PDB file of all heavy atoms in Angstrom:
ATOM      1  N   VAL A   1     102.189  76.980  90.877  1.00  0.00           N
ATOM      2  CA  VAL A   1     100.801  77.024  90.737  1.00  0.00           C
ATOM      3  C   VAL A   1     100.279  76.084  89.639  1.00  0.00           C
ATOM      4  O   VAL A   1      99.277  75.302  89.807  1.00  0.00           O
ATOM      5  CB  VAL A   1     100.243  78.477  90.491  1.00  0.00           C
ATOM      6  CG1 VAL A   1      98.719  78.494  90.136  1.00  0.00           C
ATOM      7  CG2 VAL A   1     100.487  79.365  91.666  1.00  0.00           C
ATOM      8  N   SER A   2     101.065  75.995  88.441  1.00  0.00           N
ATOM      9  CA  SER A   2     100.482  75.105  87.459  1.00  0.00           C
ATOM     10  C   SER A   2     100.562  73.658  87.981  1.00  0.00           C
ATOM     11  O   SER A   2      99.726  72.772  87.678  1.00  0.00           O
ATOM     12  CB  SER A   2     101.168  75.290  86.093  1.00  0.00           C
ATOM     13  OG  SER A   2     102.530  75.221  86.260  1.00  0.00           O
ATOM     14  N   ARG A   3     101.613  73.266  88.657  1.00  0.00           N
ATOM     15  CA  ARG A   3     101.805  71.931  89.282  1.00  0.00           C
ATOM     16  C   ARG A   3     100.604  71.630  90.258  1.00  0.00           C
ATOM     17  O   ARG A   3     100.007  70.648  90.301  1.00  0.00           O
ATOM     18  CB  ARG A   3     103.074  71.653  89.875  1.00  0.00           C
ATOM     19  CG  ARG A   3     103.256  70.291  90.583  1.00  0.00           C
ATOM     20  CD  ARG A   3     103.101  69.096  89.622  1.00  0.00           C
ATOM     21  NE  ARG A   3     104.143  69.261  88.520  1.00  0.00           N
ATOM     22  CZ  ARG A   3     105.358  68.678  88.709  1.00  0.00           C
ATOM     23  NH1 ARG A   3     105.689  68.086  89.756  1.00  0.00           N
ATOM     24  NH2 ARG A   3     106.219  68.871  87.694  1.00  0.00           N
ATOM     25  N   ALA A   4     100.484  72.572  91.174  1.00  0.00           N
ATOM     26  CA  ALA A   4      99.383  72.434  92.231  1.00  0.00           C
ATOM     27  C   ALA A   4      98.007  72.336  91.602  1.00  0.00           C
ATOM     28  O   ALA A   4      97.169  71.693  92.208  1.00  0.00           O
ATOM     29  CB  ALA A   4      99.524  73.567  93.311  1.00  0.00           C
ATOM     30  N   ARG A   5      97.836  72.959  90.421  1.00  0.00           N
ATOM     31  CA  ARG A   5      96.511  72.999  89.850  1.00  0.00           C
ATOM     32  C   ARG A   5      96.038  71.548  89.306  1.00  0.00           C
ATOM     33  O   ARG A   5      94.885  71.349  88.988  1.00  0.00           O
ATOM     34  CB  ARG A   5      96.354  73.954  88.723  1.00  0.00           C
ATOM     35  CG  ARG A   5      96.060  75.342  89.209  1.00  0.00           C
ATOM     36  CD  ARG A   5      95.701  76.240  88.059  1.00  0.00           C
ATOM     37  NE  ARG A   5      95.532  77.603  88.498  1.00  0.00           N
ATOM     38  CZ  ARG A   5      96.091  78.733  87.956  1.00  0.00           C
ATOM     39  NH1 ARG A   5      96.823  78.560  86.847  1.00  0.00           N
ATOM     40  NH2 ARG A   5      95.787  79.916  88.433  1.00  0.00           N
ATOM     41  N   THR A   6      97.186  70.657  89.113  1.00  0.00           N
ATOM     42  CA  THR A   6      96.768  69.413  88.738  1.00  0.00           C
ATOM     43  C   THR A   6      96.088  68.597  89.883  1.00  0.00           C
ATOM     44  O   THR A   6      95.452  67.637  89.690  1.00  0.00           O
ATOM     45  CB  THR A   6      98.098  68.502  88.237  1.00  0.00           C
ATOM     46  OG1 THR A   6      99.024  68.494  89.349  1.00  0.00           O
ATOM     47  CG2 THR A   6      98.616  69.232  87.044  1.00  0.00           C
ATOM     48  N   TYR A   7      96.271  69.111  91.149  1.00  0.00           N
ATOM     49  CA  TYR A   7      95.679  68.556  92.243  1.00  0.00           C
ATOM     50  C   TYR A   7      94.358  69.320  92.738  1.00  0.00           C
ATOM     51  O   TYR A   7      93.356  68.783  93.126  1.00  0.00           O
ATOM     52  CB  TYR A   7      96.512  68.463  93.536  1.00  0.00           C
ATOM     53  CG  TYR A   7      97.762  67.528  93.298  1.00  0.00           C
ATOM     54  CD1 TYR A   7      98.858  67.857  92.632  1.00  0.00           C
ATOM     55  CD2 TYR A   7      97.661  66.180  93.754  1.00  0.00           C
ATOM     56  CE1 TYR A   7      99.913  66.995  92.343  1.00  0.00           C
ATOM     57  CE2 TYR A   7      98.587  65.340  93.548  1.00  0.00           C
ATOM     58  CZ  TYR A   7      99.831  65.675  92.930  1.00  0.00           C
ATOM     59  OH  TYR A   7     100.856  64.768  92.718  1.00  0.00           O
ATOM     60  N   VAL A   8      94.447  70.720  92.546  1.00  0.00           N
ATOM     61  CA  VAL A   8      93.313  71.571  92.900  1.00  0.00           C
ATOM     62  C   VAL A   8      93.196  72.548  91.857  1.00  0.00           C
ATOM     63  O   VAL A   8      93.735  73.600  91.841  1.00  0.00           O
ATOM     64  CB  VAL A   8      93.605  72.247  94.271  1.00  0.00           C
ATOM     65  CG1 VAL A   8      92.515  73.201  94.613  1.00  0.00           C
ATOM     66  CG2 VAL A   8      93.704  71.219  95.382  1.00  0.00           C
ATOM     67  N   PRO A   9      92.309  72.326  90.792  1.00  0.00           N
ATOM     68  CA  PRO A   9      92.204  73.219  89.706  1.00  0.00           C
ATOM     69  C   PRO A   9      91.761  74.640  90.022  1.00  0.00           C
ATOM     70  O   PRO A   9      92.045  75.579  89.333  1.00  0.00           O
ATOM     71  CB  PRO A   9      91.105  72.491  88.833  1.00  0.00           C
ATOM     72  CG  PRO A   9      91.132  71.110  89.228  1.00  0.00           C
ATOM     73  CD  PRO A   9      91.578  71.112  90.694  1.00  0.00           C
ATOM     74  N   SER A  10      91.011  74.781  91.146  1.00  0.00           N
ATOM     75  CA  SER A  10      90.649  76.147  91.528  1.00  0.00           C
ATOM     76  C   SER A  10      91.615  77.061  92.147  1.00  0.00           C
ATOM     77  O   SER A  10      91.282  78.220  92.518  1.00  0.00           O
ATOM     78  CB  SER A  10      89.360  75.991  92.436  1.00  0.00           C
ATOM     79  OG  SER A  10      89.726  75.363  93.676  1.00  0.00           O
ATOM     80  N   LEU A  11      92.881  76.572  92.271  1.00  0.00           N
ATOM     81  CA  LEU A  11      93.860  77.389  92.962  1.00  0.00           C
ATOM     82  C   LEU A  11      94.134  78.669  92.147  1.00  0.00           C
ATOM     83  O   LEU A  11      94.326  78.556  90.893  1.00  0.00           O
ATOM     84  CB  LEU A  11      95.097  76.507  93.095  1.00  0.00           C
ATOM     85  CG  LEU A  11      96.077  76.922  94.226  1.00  0.00           C
ATOM     86  CD1 LEU A  11      95.436  76.675  95.619  1.00  0.00           C
ATOM     87  CD2 LEU A  11      97.410  76.086  94.050  1.00  0.00           C
ATOM     88  N   ALA A  12      94.352  79.805  92.864  1.00  0.00           N
ATOM     89  CA  ALA A  12      94.584  81.028  92.218  1.00  0.00           C
ATOM     90  C   ALA A  12      95.815  81.535  92.733  1.00  0.00           C
ATOM     91  O   ALA A  12      95.942  81.651  93.977  1.00  0.00           O
ATOM     92  CB  ALA A  12      93.424  82.090  92.329  1.00  0.00           C
ATOM     93  N   ALA A  13      96.724  82.237  91.868  1.00  0.00           N
ATOM     94  CA  ALA A  13      97.935  82.850  92.390  1.00  0.00           C
ATOM     95  C   ALA A  13      97.677  84.134  93.077  1.00  0.00           C
ATOM     96  O   ALA A  13      96.713  84.854  92.653  1.00  0.00           O
ATOM     97  CB  ALA A  13      98.948  82.979  91.163  1.00  0.00           C
ATOM     98  N   MET A  14      98.298  84.444  94.098  1.00  0.00           N
ATOM     99  CA  MET A  14      98.289  85.787  94.667  1.00  0.00           C
ATOM    100  C   MET A  14      98.782  86.774  93.740  1.00  0.00           C
ATOM    101  O   MET A  14      99.771  86.440  92.926  1.00  0.00           O
ATOM    102  CB  MET A  14      99.036  85.790  96.119  1.00  0.00           C
ATOM    103  CG  MET A  14      98.758  84.802  97.118  1.00  0.00           C
ATOM    104  SD  MET A  14      97.100  84.874  97.757  1.00  0.00           S
ATOM    105  CE  MET A  14      97.195  86.151  98.897  1.00  0.00           C
ATOM    106  N   GLU A  15      98.357  88.036  93.852  1.00  0.00           N
ATOM    107  CA  GLU A  15      99.065  89.123  93.020  1.00  0.00           C
ATOM    108  C   GLU A  15      99.939  89.898  93.836  1.00  0.00           C
ATOM    109  O   GLU A  15     100.716  90.771  93.217  1.00  0.00           O
ATOM    110  CB  GLU A  15      97.851  89.992  92.430  1.00  0.00           C
ATOM    111  CG  GLU A  15      96.959  89.144  91.510  1.00  0.00           C
ATOM    112  CD  GLU A  15      96.042  90.037  90.691  1.00  0.00           C
ATOM    113  OE1 GLU A  15      95.977  91.300  90.931  1.00  0.00           O
ATOM    114  OE2 GLU A  15      95.388  89.543  89.818  1.00  0.00           O
ATOM    115  N   GLU A  16      99.842  89.886  95.103  1.00  0.00           N
ATOM    116  CA  GLU A  16     100.746  90.663  95.988  1.00  0.00           C
ATOM    117  C   GLU A  16     101.311  89.652  96.997  1.00  0.00           C
ATOM    118  O   GLU A  16     100.569  88.755  97.389  1.00  0.00           O
ATOM    119  CB  GLU A  16      99.909  91.695  96.735  1.00  0.00           C
ATOM    120  CG  GLU A  16      99.162  92.746  95.877  1.00  0.00           C
ATOM    121  CD  GLU A  16     100.212  93.604  94.981  1.00  0.00           C
ATOM    122  OE1 GLU A  16     101.379  93.713  95.435  1.00  0.00           O
ATOM    123  OE2 GLU A  16      99.904  94.117  93.924  1.00  0.00           O
ATOM    124  N   PHE A  17     102.497  90.040  97.444  1.00  0.00           N
ATOM    125  CA  PHE A  17     103.091  88.960  98.446  1.00  0.00           C
ATOM    126  C   PHE A  17     103.677  89.792  99.619  1.00  0.00           C
ATOM    127  O   PHE A  17     104.148  90.948  99.528  1.00  0.00           O
ATOM    128  CB  PHE A  17     104.370  88.486  97.678  1.00  0.00           C
ATOM    129  CG  PHE A  17     103.877  87.778  96.299  1.00  0.00           C
ATOM    130  CD1 PHE A  17     104.003  88.527  95.185  1.00  0.00           C
ATOM    131  CD2 PHE A  17     103.252  86.567  96.396  1.00  0.00           C
ATOM    132  CE1 PHE A  17     103.540  87.996  94.053  1.00  0.00           C
ATOM    133  CE2 PHE A  17     102.809  86.011  95.144  1.00  0.00           C
ATOM    134  CZ  PHE A  17     102.902  86.625  94.017  1.00  0.00           C
ATOM    135  N   HIS A  18     103.475  89.170 100.779  1.00  0.00           N
ATOM    136  CA  HIS A  18     103.924  89.804 101.987  1.00  0.00           C
ATOM    137  C   HIS A  18     104.031  88.766 103.086  1.00  0.00           C
ATOM    138  O   HIS A  18     103.500  87.619 102.987  1.00  0.00           O
ATOM    139  CB  HIS A  18     102.904  90.933 102.450  1.00  0.00           C
ATOM    140  CG  HIS A  18     101.635  90.391 102.819  1.00  0.00           C
ATOM    141  ND1 HIS A  18     100.623  90.264 101.847  1.00  0.00           N
ATOM    142  CD2 HIS A  18     101.168  89.841 103.980  1.00  0.00           C
ATOM    143  CE1 HIS A  18      99.526  89.676 102.526  1.00  0.00           C
ATOM    144  NE2 HIS A  18      99.808  89.389 103.689  1.00  0.00           N
ATOM    145  N   LEU A  19     104.656  89.100 104.203  1.00  0.00           N
ATOM    146  CA  LEU A  19     104.694  88.272 105.341  1.00  0.00           C
ATOM    147  C   LEU A  19     104.146  89.042 106.511  1.00  0.00           C
ATOM    148  O   LEU A  19     104.462  90.161 106.844  1.00  0.00           O
ATOM    149  CB  LEU A  19     106.224  88.096 105.650  1.00  0.00           C
ATOM    150  CG  LEU A  19     106.541  86.993 106.765  1.00  0.00           C
ATOM    151  CD1 LEU A  19     107.786  86.214 106.472  1.00  0.00           C
ATOM    152  CD2 LEU A  19     106.559  87.633 108.157  1.00  0.00           C
ATOM    153  N   SER A  20     103.047  88.503 107.134  1.00  0.00           N
ATOM    154  CA  SER A  20     102.262  89.215 108.095  1.00  0.00           C
ATOM    155  C   SER A  20     102.959  89.295 109.399  1.00  0.00           C
ATOM    156  O   SER A  20     103.576  88.270 109.899  1.00  0.00           O
ATOM    157  CB  SER A  20     100.902  88.483 108.333  1.00  0.00           C
ATOM    158  OG  SER A  20     100.060  88.620 107.259  1.00  0.00           O
ATOM    159  N   LEU A  21     102.834  90.406 110.126  1.00  0.00           N
ATOM    160  CA  LEU A  21     103.315  90.566 111.430  1.00  0.00           C
ATOM    161  C   LEU A  21     102.160  90.891 112.395  1.00  0.00           C
ATOM    162  O   LEU A  21     102.476  91.061 113.613  1.00  0.00           O
ATOM    163  CB  LEU A  21     104.338  91.789 111.526  1.00  0.00           C
ATOM    164  CG  LEU A  21     105.619  91.638 110.606  1.00  0.00           C
ATOM    165  CD1 LEU A  21     106.388  92.979 110.623  1.00  0.00           C
ATOM    166  CD2 LEU A  21     106.524  90.599 111.113  1.00  0.00           C
ATOM    167  N   SER A  22     100.908  90.867 111.885  1.00  0.00           N
ATOM    168  CA  SER A  22      99.792  91.081 112.724  1.00  0.00           C
ATOM    169  C   SER A  22      98.663  90.354 112.106  1.00  0.00           C
ATOM    170  O   SER A  22      98.618  90.058 110.844  1.00  0.00           O
ATOM    171  CB  SER A  22      99.481  92.549 112.919  1.00  0.00           C
ATOM    172  OG  SER A  22      98.659  93.039 111.829  1.00  0.00           O
ATOM    173  N   GLN A  23      97.660  90.100 112.859  1.00  0.00           N
ATOM    174  CA  GLN A  23      96.322  89.695 112.314  1.00  0.00           C
ATOM    175  C   GLN A  23      95.718  90.937 111.639  1.00  0.00           C
ATOM    176  O   GLN A  23      96.280  92.055 111.798  1.00  0.00           O
ATOM    177  CB  GLN A  23      95.480  89.167 113.410  1.00  0.00           C
ATOM    178  CG  GLN A  23      96.011  87.973 114.140  1.00  0.00           C
ATOM    179  CD  GLN A  23      94.864  87.453 115.142  1.00  0.00           C
ATOM    180  OE1 GLN A  23      93.770  87.075 114.655  1.00  0.00           O
ATOM    181  NE2 GLN A  23      95.226  87.314 116.431  1.00  0.00           N
ATOM    182  N   CYS A  24      94.626  90.840 110.990  1.00  0.00           N
ATOM    183  CA  CYS A  24      93.882  91.997 110.610  1.00  0.00           C
ATOM    184  C   CYS A  24      93.030  92.439 111.791  1.00  0.00           C
ATOM    185  O   CYS A  24      92.198  91.589 112.395  1.00  0.00           O
ATOM    186  CB  CYS A  24      93.014  91.701 109.457  1.00  0.00           C
ATOM    187  SG  CYS A  24      92.038  93.110 108.919  1.00  0.00           S
ATOM    188  N   VAL A  25      93.197  93.617 112.243  1.00  0.00           N
ATOM    189  CA  VAL A  25      92.512  94.158 113.340  1.00  0.00           C
ATOM    190  C   VAL A  25      91.597  95.361 112.891  1.00  0.00           C
ATOM    191  O   VAL A  25      91.817  95.917 111.798  1.00  0.00           O
ATOM    192  CB  VAL A  25      93.404  94.594 114.500  1.00  0.00           C
ATOM    193  CG1 VAL A  25      94.192  93.316 114.986  1.00  0.00           C
ATOM    194  CG2 VAL A  25      94.339  95.698 114.087  1.00  0.00           C
ATOM    195  N   VAL A  26      90.693  95.809 113.783  1.00  0.00           N
ATOM    196  CA  VAL A  26      89.842  96.880 113.415  1.00  0.00           C
ATOM    197  C   VAL A  26      90.185  98.096 114.253  1.00  0.00           C
ATOM    198  O   VAL A  26      90.265  98.020 115.471  1.00  0.00           O
ATOM    199  CB  VAL A  26      88.337  96.482 113.694  1.00  0.00           C
ATOM    200  CG1 VAL A  26      87.389  97.710 113.307  1.00  0.00           C
ATOM    201  CG2 VAL A  26      87.952  95.298 112.868  1.00  0.00           C
ATOM    202  N   LEU A  27      90.543  99.145 113.438  1.00  0.00           N
ATOM    203  CA  LEU A  27      90.822 100.380 114.297  1.00  0.00           C
ATOM    204  C   LEU A  27      89.800 101.480 114.035  1.00  0.00           C
ATOM    205  O   LEU A  27      89.274 101.590 112.885  1.00  0.00           O
ATOM    206  CB  LEU A  27      92.174 101.060 113.664  1.00  0.00           C
ATOM    207  CG  LEU A  27      93.398 100.624 114.313  1.00  0.00           C
ATOM    208  CD1 LEU A  27      94.520 101.323 113.540  1.00  0.00           C
ATOM    209  CD2 LEU A  27      93.517 100.979 115.814  1.00  0.00           C
ATOM    210  N   ARG A  28      89.391 102.178 114.965  1.00  0.00           N
ATOM    211  CA  ARG A  28      88.591 103.373 114.758  1.00  0.00           C
ATOM    212  C   ARG A  28      89.326 104.422 114.097  1.00  0.00           C
ATOM    213  O   ARG A  28      90.472 104.533 114.128  1.00  0.00           O
ATOM    214  CB  ARG A  28      88.089 104.026 116.000  1.00  0.00           C
ATOM    215  CG  ARG A  28      87.339 102.852 117.040  1.00  0.00           C
ATOM    216  CD  ARG A  28      86.046 102.430 116.441  1.00  0.00           C
ATOM    217  NE  ARG A  28      85.048 103.502 116.343  1.00  0.00           N
ATOM    218  CZ  ARG A  28      83.964 103.427 115.574  1.00  0.00           C
ATOM    219  NH1 ARG A  28      83.666 102.334 114.894  1.00  0.00           N
ATOM    220  NH2 ARG A  28      82.995 104.437 115.474  1.00  0.00           N
ATOM    221  N   TYR A  29      88.640 105.211 113.263  1.00  0.00           N
ATOM    222  CA  TYR A  29      89.402 106.209 112.427  1.00  0.00           C
ATOM    223  C   TYR A  29      90.311 107.082 113.259  1.00  0.00           C
ATOM    224  O   TYR A  29      91.489 107.350 112.834  1.00  0.00           O
ATOM    225  CB  TYR A  29      88.385 107.127 111.643  1.00  0.00           C
ATOM    226  CG  TYR A  29      89.133 108.146 110.812  1.00  0.00           C
ATOM    227  CD1 TYR A  29      89.682 107.789 109.594  1.00  0.00           C
ATOM    228  CD2 TYR A  29      89.103 109.423 111.148  1.00  0.00           C
ATOM    229  CE1 TYR A  29      90.367 108.717 108.789  1.00  0.00           C
ATOM    230  CE2 TYR A  29      89.810 110.353 110.444  1.00  0.00           C
ATOM    231  CZ  TYR A  29      90.416 110.042 109.231  1.00  0.00           C
ATOM    232  OH  TYR A  29      91.018 110.995 108.481  1.00  0.00           O
ATOM    233  N   HIS A  30      89.860 107.590 114.364  1.00  0.00           N
ATOM    234  CA  HIS A  30      90.675 108.533 115.120  1.00  0.00           C
ATOM    235  C   HIS A  30      91.770 107.874 115.851  1.00  0.00           C
ATOM    236  O   HIS A  30      92.665 108.506 116.481  1.00  0.00           O
ATOM    237  CB  HIS A  30      89.803 109.400 116.118  1.00  0.00           C
ATOM    238  CG  HIS A  30      88.994 108.433 117.026  1.00  0.00           C
ATOM    239  ND1 HIS A  30      87.775 107.899 116.742  1.00  0.00           N
ATOM    240  CD2 HIS A  30      89.281 108.100 118.282  1.00  0.00           C
ATOM    241  CE1 HIS A  30      87.334 107.123 117.678  1.00  0.00           C
ATOM    242  NE2 HIS A  30      88.236 107.269 118.732  1.00  0.00           N
ATOM    243  N   TRP A  31      91.872 106.561 115.823  1.00  0.00           N
ATOM    244  CA  TRP A  31      92.974 105.795 116.351  1.00  0.00           C
ATOM    245  C   TRP A  31      94.168 105.613 115.444  1.00  0.00           C
ATOM    246  O   TRP A  31      95.295 105.300 115.837  1.00  0.00           O
ATOM    247  CB  TRP A  31      92.561 104.375 116.800  1.00  0.00           C
ATOM    248  CG  TRP A  31      91.782 104.360 118.029  1.00  0.00           C
ATOM    249  CD1 TRP A  31      91.386 105.423 118.817  1.00  0.00           C
ATOM    250  CD2 TRP A  31      91.070 103.235 118.660  1.00  0.00           C
ATOM    251  NE1 TRP A  31      90.628 105.015 119.861  1.00  0.00           N
ATOM    252  CE2 TRP A  31      90.405 103.683 119.786  1.00  0.00           C
ATOM    253  CE3 TRP A  31      91.048 101.958 118.251  1.00  0.00           C
ATOM    254  CZ2 TRP A  31      89.700 102.788 120.574  1.00  0.00           C
ATOM    255  CZ3 TRP A  31      90.251 101.045 118.974  1.00  0.00           C
ATOM    256  CH2 TRP A  31      89.624 101.481 120.231  1.00  0.00           C
ATOM    257  N   ILE A  32      93.926 105.812 114.054  1.00  0.00           N
ATOM    258  CA  ILE A  32      94.969 105.474 113.156  1.00  0.00           C
ATOM    259  C   ILE A  32      96.139 106.225 113.302  1.00  0.00           C
ATOM    260  O   ILE A  32      97.358 105.580 113.340  1.00  0.00           O
ATOM    261  CB  ILE A  32      94.415 105.712 111.610  1.00  0.00           C
ATOM    262  CG1 ILE A  32      93.260 104.773 111.358  1.00  0.00           C
ATOM    263  CG2 ILE A  32      95.512 105.405 110.662  1.00  0.00           C
ATOM    264  CD1 ILE A  32      92.507 105.013 110.002  1.00  0.00           C
ATOM    265  N   GLU A  33      96.088 107.567 113.532  1.00  0.00           N
ATOM    266  CA  GLU A  33      97.262 108.382 113.667  1.00  0.00           C
ATOM    267  C   GLU A  33      98.138 108.105 114.896  1.00  0.00           C
ATOM    268  O   GLU A  33      99.332 107.762 114.748  1.00  0.00           O
ATOM    269  CB  GLU A  33      96.870 109.907 113.647  1.00  0.00           C
ATOM    270  CG  GLU A  33      97.966 110.822 113.086  1.00  0.00           C
ATOM    271  CD  GLU A  33      97.479 112.252 113.056  1.00  0.00           C
ATOM    272  OE1 GLU A  33      96.548 112.463 112.325  1.00  0.00           O
ATOM    273  OE2 GLU A  33      98.075 113.097 113.721  1.00  0.00           O
ATOM    274  N   PRO A  34      97.515 107.922 116.046  1.00  0.00           N
ATOM    275  CA  PRO A  34      98.309 107.496 117.230  1.00  0.00           C
ATOM    276  C   PRO A  34      98.834 106.084 117.193  1.00  0.00           C
ATOM    277  O   PRO A  34      99.886 105.838 117.620  1.00  0.00           O
ATOM    278  CB  PRO A  34      97.301 107.719 118.431  1.00  0.00           C
ATOM    279  CG  PRO A  34      95.941 107.920 117.811  1.00  0.00           C
ATOM    280  CD  PRO A  34      96.215 108.434 116.486  1.00  0.00           C
ATOM    281  N   PHE A  35      98.053 105.194 116.458  1.00  0.00           N
ATOM    282  CA  PHE A  35      98.593 103.861 116.210  1.00  0.00           C
ATOM    283  C   PHE A  35      99.834 103.819 115.350  1.00  0.00           C
ATOM    284  O   PHE A  35     100.812 103.150 115.701  1.00  0.00           O
ATOM    285  CB  PHE A  35      97.445 103.068 115.528  1.00  0.00           C
ATOM    286  CG  PHE A  35      97.784 101.557 115.379  1.00  0.00           C
ATOM    287  CD1 PHE A  35      97.495 100.657 116.320  1.00  0.00           C
ATOM    288  CD2 PHE A  35      98.246 101.161 114.058  1.00  0.00           C
ATOM    289  CE1 PHE A  35      97.827  99.293 116.112  1.00  0.00           C
ATOM    290  CE2 PHE A  35      98.542  99.842 113.929  1.00  0.00           C
ATOM    291  CZ  PHE A  35      98.376  98.846 114.950  1.00  0.00           C
ATOM    292  N   VAL A  36      99.777 104.540 114.249  1.00  0.00           N
ATOM    293  CA  VAL A  36     100.920 104.650 113.344  1.00  0.00           C
ATOM    294  C   VAL A  36     102.129 105.347 114.067  1.00  0.00           C
ATOM    295  O   VAL A  36     103.316 104.906 114.004  1.00  0.00           O
ATOM    296  CB  VAL A  36     100.621 105.473 112.090  1.00  0.00           C
ATOM    297  CG1 VAL A  36     101.806 105.790 111.212  1.00  0.00           C
ATOM    298  CG2 VAL A  36      99.665 104.598 111.218  1.00  0.00           C
ATOM    299  N   ARG A  37     101.917 106.417 114.844  1.00  0.00           N
ATOM    300  CA  ARG A  37     102.882 106.990 115.586  1.00  0.00           C
ATOM    301  C   ARG A  37     103.582 106.047 116.535  1.00  0.00           C
ATOM    302  O   ARG A  37     104.835 105.989 116.738  1.00  0.00           O
ATOM    303  CB  ARG A  37     102.351 108.240 116.293  1.00  0.00           C
ATOM    304  CG  ARG A  37     103.366 109.195 116.833  1.00  0.00           C
ATOM    305  CD  ARG A  37     102.847 110.448 117.593  1.00  0.00           C
ATOM    306  NE  ARG A  37     101.628 110.945 116.998  1.00  0.00           N
ATOM    307  CZ  ARG A  37     100.433 111.058 117.687  1.00  0.00           C
ATOM    308  NH1 ARG A  37     100.301 110.732 118.877  1.00  0.00           N
ATOM    309  NH2 ARG A  37      99.414 111.566 117.005  1.00  0.00           N
ATOM    310  N   SER A  38     102.773 105.303 117.300  1.00  0.00           N
ATOM    311  CA  SER A  38     103.281 104.379 118.213  1.00  0.00           C
ATOM    312  C   SER A  38     104.121 103.232 117.542  1.00  0.00           C
ATOM    313  O   SER A  38     105.251 102.896 118.022  1.00  0.00           O
ATOM    314  CB  SER A  38     102.130 103.687 119.036  1.00  0.00           C
ATOM    315  OG  SER A  38     102.646 102.961 120.072  1.00  0.00           O
ATOM    316  N   LEU A  39     103.636 102.818 116.426  1.00  0.00           N
ATOM    317  CA  LEU A  39     104.364 101.799 115.680  1.00  0.00           C
ATOM    318  C   LEU A  39     105.764 102.355 115.207  1.00  0.00           C
ATOM    319  O   LEU A  39     106.783 101.649 115.403  1.00  0.00           O
ATOM    320  CB  LEU A  39     103.665 101.451 114.299  1.00  0.00           C
ATOM    321  CG  LEU A  39     102.755 100.221 114.253  1.00  0.00           C
ATOM    322  CD1 LEU A  39     102.160 100.066 112.893  1.00  0.00           C
ATOM    323  CD2 LEU A  39     103.435  98.920 114.714  1.00  0.00           C
ATOM    324  N   ARG A  40     105.764 103.620 114.706  1.00  0.00           N
ATOM    325  CA  ARG A  40     106.940 104.267 114.206  1.00  0.00           C
ATOM    326  C   ARG A  40     108.074 104.373 115.365  1.00  0.00           C
ATOM    327  O   ARG A  40     109.181 104.118 115.145  1.00  0.00           O
ATOM    328  CB  ARG A  40     106.596 105.676 113.751  1.00  0.00           C
ATOM    329  CG  ARG A  40     107.625 106.101 112.608  1.00  0.00           C
ATOM    330  CD  ARG A  40     107.130 107.548 111.939  1.00  0.00           C
ATOM    331  NE  ARG A  40     106.092 107.324 110.957  1.00  0.00           N
ATOM    332  CZ  ARG A  40     106.080 106.701 109.756  1.00  0.00           C
ATOM    333  NH1 ARG A  40     107.279 106.083 109.433  1.00  0.00           N
ATOM    334  NH2 ARG A  40     105.169 106.639 108.992  1.00  0.00           N
ATOM    335  N   GLU A  41     107.530 104.659 116.549  1.00  0.00           N
ATOM    336  CA  GLU A  41     108.508 104.799 117.697  1.00  0.00           C
ATOM    337  C   GLU A  41     109.069 103.426 118.045  1.00  0.00           C
ATOM    338  O   GLU A  41     110.317 103.279 118.248  1.00  0.00           O
ATOM    339  CB  GLU A  41     107.786 105.378 118.866  1.00  0.00           C
ATOM    340  CG  GLU A  41     107.481 106.831 118.816  1.00  0.00           C
ATOM    341  CD  GLU A  41     106.580 107.480 119.845  1.00  0.00           C
ATOM    342  OE1 GLU A  41     106.178 106.618 120.821  1.00  0.00           O
ATOM    343  OE2 GLU A  41     106.004 108.609 119.671  1.00  0.00           O
ATOM    344  N   ARG A  42     108.219 102.474 118.112  1.00  0.00           N
ATOM    345  CA  ARG A  42     108.735 101.061 118.488  1.00  0.00           C
ATOM    346  C   ARG A  42     109.591 100.380 117.477  1.00  0.00           C
ATOM    347  O   ARG A  42     110.425  99.587 117.872  1.00  0.00           O
ATOM    348  CB  ARG A  42     107.438 100.185 118.734  1.00  0.00           C
ATOM    349  CG  ARG A  42     106.858 100.438 120.189  1.00  0.00           C
ATOM    350  CD  ARG A  42     105.832  99.350 120.503  1.00  0.00           C
ATOM    351  NE  ARG A  42     105.149  99.620 121.717  1.00  0.00           N
ATOM    352  CZ  ARG A  42     105.490  98.790 122.793  1.00  0.00           C
ATOM    353  NH1 ARG A  42     106.378  97.894 122.655  1.00  0.00           N
ATOM    354  NH2 ARG A  42     104.841  98.982 123.998  1.00  0.00           N
ATOM    355  N   LEU A  43     109.353 100.766 116.214  1.00  0.00           N
ATOM    356  CA  LEU A  43     110.101 100.120 115.091  1.00  0.00           C
ATOM    357  C   LEU A  43     111.399 100.862 114.626  1.00  0.00           C
ATOM    358  O   LEU A  43     112.078 100.338 113.971  1.00  0.00           O
ATOM    359  CB  LEU A  43     109.193  99.877 113.925  1.00  0.00           C
ATOM    360  CG  LEU A  43     108.046  98.929 114.232  1.00  0.00           C
ATOM    361  CD1 LEU A  43     107.068  99.017 112.956  1.00  0.00           C
ATOM    362  CD2 LEU A  43     108.412  97.494 114.597  1.00  0.00           C
ATOM    363  N   ALA A  44     111.563 102.112 115.276  1.00  0.00           N
ATOM    364  CA  ALA A  44     112.647 102.957 114.707  1.00  0.00           C
ATOM    365  C   ALA A  44     113.982 102.361 114.914  1.00  0.00           C
ATOM    366  O   ALA A  44     114.941 102.540 114.131  1.00  0.00           O
ATOM    367  CB  ALA A  44     112.555 104.270 115.415  1.00  0.00           C
ATOM    368  N   ALA A  45     114.225 101.496 115.930  1.00  0.00           N
ATOM    369  CA  ALA A  45     115.611 100.981 116.238  1.00  0.00           C
ATOM    370  C   ALA A  45     115.949  99.756 115.382  1.00  0.00           C
ATOM    371  O   ALA A  45     117.007  99.353 115.341  1.00  0.00           O
ATOM    372  CB  ALA A  45     115.690 100.700 117.648  1.00  0.00           C
TER     373      ALA A  45
END
C-alpha cells in the first residue's frame, strides 16, 4: 500500500480479507433460513 500510494495517494488498505464466491445479492428476510440450509447441503461434501 505504501508503494502504491506513491502513484495513487488516496488508496486505502482493506481491513478484512476474503475471496468472493458470489456477487452481493438481495434476499428477502424469510428466504435467509432456507437459503442457508440449501448452501449447507450443497457444500457439505
